[in-house]
Amino acid sequence: MPKRNLLRTVHALDKSGAIPVYAECDWWEAWECYGDGDNVDDWVLAGDGTLDECIQALTNVISFEVNAQIKNWDFELSEWEKMQDRRRAEIRKQCLTTGFAGTKGSWDIRASLTAERILYQRNHLFERHGVDPSGFAPNPSSKKL
């Protein structure tokens, strides 16, 4: 399967061209709840890694959630797959914009870094390499790399 172009995906989320902070997060955690969700012991790590890997780890739970919303089962299998793909796209969009997605007491996907930490890393990286972080343009006062 070809690798996705994350930048193209992020631009498709927000037509203004602003890149969400969490698009730079490369480590996510997927959690499943086996209980009422009030106790820490009710939550089990379902997977960790990239955002797509975490969504894949929760495929069964997401499918169950989509199935619970269906009122009439008179449709083709391809329509059901499209409904699941739309739900996964909603989850991906919510994760990239807020750093979190989930349902109360069922499952969660969370970014491993806070927005403040991501912004700090971005600014520190740009300063080290002489790049202006506001416009992603080279800083004219810096030496060429």
Protein backbone atom coordinates (compact mmCIF):
# COMPACT_ATOMS: atom_id res chain seq x y z
CA MET A 1 0.00 0.00 0.00
CA PRO A 2 1.48 3.39 -0.93
CA LYS A 3 2.42 5.74 1.84
CA ARG A 4 0.00 8.63 2.38
CA ASN A 5 1.11 12.19 1.83
CA LEU A 6 0.40 13.61 5.30
CA LEU A 7 0.78 17.23 4.18
CA ARG A 8 -1.83 16.75 1.44
CA THR A 9 -4.17 15.12 3.97
CA VAL A 10 -3.71 17.98 6.41
CA HIS A 11 -4.36 20.64 3.76
CA ALA A 12 -7.54 18.80 2.79
CA LEU A 13 -8.74 19.13 6.39
CA ASP A 14 -8.48 22.89 6.49
CA LYS A 15 -8.81 24.85 3.27
CA SER A 16 -7.32 27.97 4.89
CA GLY A 17 -3.88 26.40 4.54
CA ALA A 18 -3.16 26.47 8.27
CA ILE A 19 -1.46 23.29 9.38
CA PRO A 20 -2.87 21.94 12.67
CA VAL A 21 -0.31 21.54 15.42
CA TYR A 22 -1.05 17.86 15.94
CA ALA A 23 -0.25 17.05 12.31
CA GLU A 24 3.39 17.09 13.42
CA CYS A 25 2.82 14.51 16.15
CA ASP A 26 4.20 11.16 15.04
CA TRP A 27 3.26 9.04 18.06
CA TRP A 28 -0.30 8.29 19.15
CA GLU A 29 -1.91 5.92 21.65
CA ALA A 30 -5.18 4.02 21.20
CA TRP A 31 -7.04 2.92 24.34
CA GLU A 32 -10.03 0.58 24.74
CA CYS A 33 -12.30 0.51 27.77
CA TYR A 34 -13.42 -2.77 29.33
CA GLY A 35 -15.69 -1.50 32.07
CA ASP A 36 -17.48 1.71 32.98
CA GLY A 37 -14.42 3.88 32.29
CA ASP A 38 -14.27 5.50 35.71
CA ASN A 39 -11.38 3.40 36.93
CA VAL A 40 -7.88 3.55 35.42
CA ASP A 41 -7.74 -0.25 35.40
CA ASP A 42 -10.69 -0.36 32.97
CA TRP A 43 -8.55 1.06 30.15
CA VAL A 44 -6.24 -1.14 28.07
CA LEU A 45 -3.69 0.04 25.51
CA ALA A 46 -4.98 -1.26 22.17
CA GLY A 47 -2.09 0.05 20.12
CA ASP A 48 0.42 2.80 19.67
CA GLY A 49 2.36 4.26 16.77
CA THR A 50 1.22 6.42 13.90
CA LEU A 51 -2.32 7.77 13.78
CA ASP A 52 -3.27 5.28 11.05
CA GLU A 53 -1.92 2.38 13.12
CA CYS A 54 -4.00 3.50 16.11
CA ILE A 55 -7.16 3.81 14.02
CA GLN A 56 -6.44 0.34 12.62
CA ALA A 57 -6.04 -1.03 16.17
CA LEU A 58 -9.56 0.19 16.99
CA THR A 59 -11.17 -1.11 13.78
CA ASN A 60 -13.52 -3.51 15.57
CA VAL A 61 -14.72 -0.90 18.05
CA ILE A 62 -15.26 1.69 15.30
CA SER A 63 -17.16 -0.89 13.21
CA PHE A 64 -19.38 -1.69 16.18
CA GLU A 65 -20.02 2.04 16.68
CA VAL A 66 -21.03 2.45 13.02
CA ASN A 67 -23.25 -0.64 13.18
CA ALA A 68 -25.05 0.70 16.24
CA GLN A 69 -26.05 3.84 14.32
CA ILE A 70 -27.57 1.96 11.38
CA LYS A 71 -31.37 1.87 11.43
CA ASN A 72 -32.06 0.08 8.14
CA TRP A 73 -29.76 -2.68 6.90
CA ASP A 74 -31.09 -2.61 3.34
CA PHE A 75 -27.95 -1.54 1.47
CA GLU A 76 -24.88 -2.92 -0.26
CA LEU A 77 -21.66 -3.92 1.45
CA SER A 78 -19.80 -1.12 -0.34
CA GLU A 79 -22.09 1.46 1.29
CA TRP A 80 -21.31 0.01 4.72
CA GLU A 81 -17.57 0.24 3.95
CA LYS A 82 -18.03 3.87 2.89
CA MET A 83 -19.80 4.61 6.18
CA GLN A 84 -16.85 3.17 8.09
CA ASP A 85 -14.36 5.11 5.95
CA ARG A 86 -16.27 8.33 6.64
CA ARG A 87 -16.16 7.62 10.38
CA ARG A 88 -12.41 6.93 10.23
CA ALA A 89 -11.91 10.20 8.32
CA GLU A 90 -13.89 12.08 11.00
CA ILE A 91 -11.71 10.51 13.70
CA ARG A 92 -8.52 11.38 11.79
CA LYS A 93 -9.66 14.99 11.33
CA GLN A 94 -10.58 15.36 15.00
CA CYS A 95 -7.24 13.89 16.09
CA LEU A 96 -5.21 16.17 13.84
CA THR A 97 -7.07 19.29 14.94
CA THR A 98 -7.52 18.62 18.69
CA GLY A 99 -5.03 15.86 19.51
CA PHE A 100 -7.80 13.63 20.83
CA ALA A 101 -10.76 11.58 19.62
CA GLY A 102 -12.96 9.09 21.38
CA THR A 103 -16.26 8.17 22.92
CA LYS A 104 -16.99 8.27 26.61
CA GLY A 105 -16.31 4.89 28.15
CA SER A 106 -15.54 3.03 24.93
CA TRP A 107 -12.29 4.11 23.24
CA ASP A 108 -9.78 6.97 22.98
CA ILE A 109 -6.99 8.01 20.65
CA ARG A 110 -4.59 10.58 22.08
CA ALA A 111 -1.47 12.34 20.85
CA SER A 112 1.56 11.48 22.94
CA LEU A 113 2.74 15.12 22.94
CA THR A 114 0.94 18.26 24.06
CA ALA A 115 0.45 21.16 21.67
CA GLU A 116 2.90 23.23 23.71
CA ARG A 117 5.60 20.57 23.36
CA ILE A 118 5.05 20.27 19.60
CA LEU A 119 5.27 24.05 19.15
CA TYR A 120 8.42 24.17 21.28
CA GLN A 121 10.04 21.45 19.17
CA ARG A 122 9.00 23.16 15.95
CA ASN A 123 10.44 26.52 17.00
CA HIS A 124 13.61 24.96 18.40
CA LEU A 125 14.18 22.96 15.21
CA PHE A 126 13.69 26.02 13.02
CA GLU A 127 16.04 28.12 15.16
CA ARG A 128 18.74 25.45 14.93
CA HIS A 129 18.56 25.35 11.16
CA GLY A 130 18.09 29.08 10.56
CA VAL A 131 14.50 28.89 9.37
CA ASP A 132 11.76 31.39 10.24
CA PRO A 133 9.01 29.30 11.91
CA SER A 134 6.20 31.70 11.04
CA GLY A 135 6.34 31.29 7.30
CA PHE A 136 8.56 28.26 6.87
CA ALA A 137 10.91 30.53 4.91
CA PRO A 138 14.71 30.63 5.32
CA ASN A 139 16.00 33.27 7.69
CA PRO A 140 18.13 35.72 5.65
CA SER A 141 20.48 36.40 8.56
CA SER A 142 21.47 32.75 8.91
CA LYS A 143 24.27 30.97 7.13
CA LYS A 144 23.45 28.66 4.25
CA LEU A 145 23.32 25.01 5.16
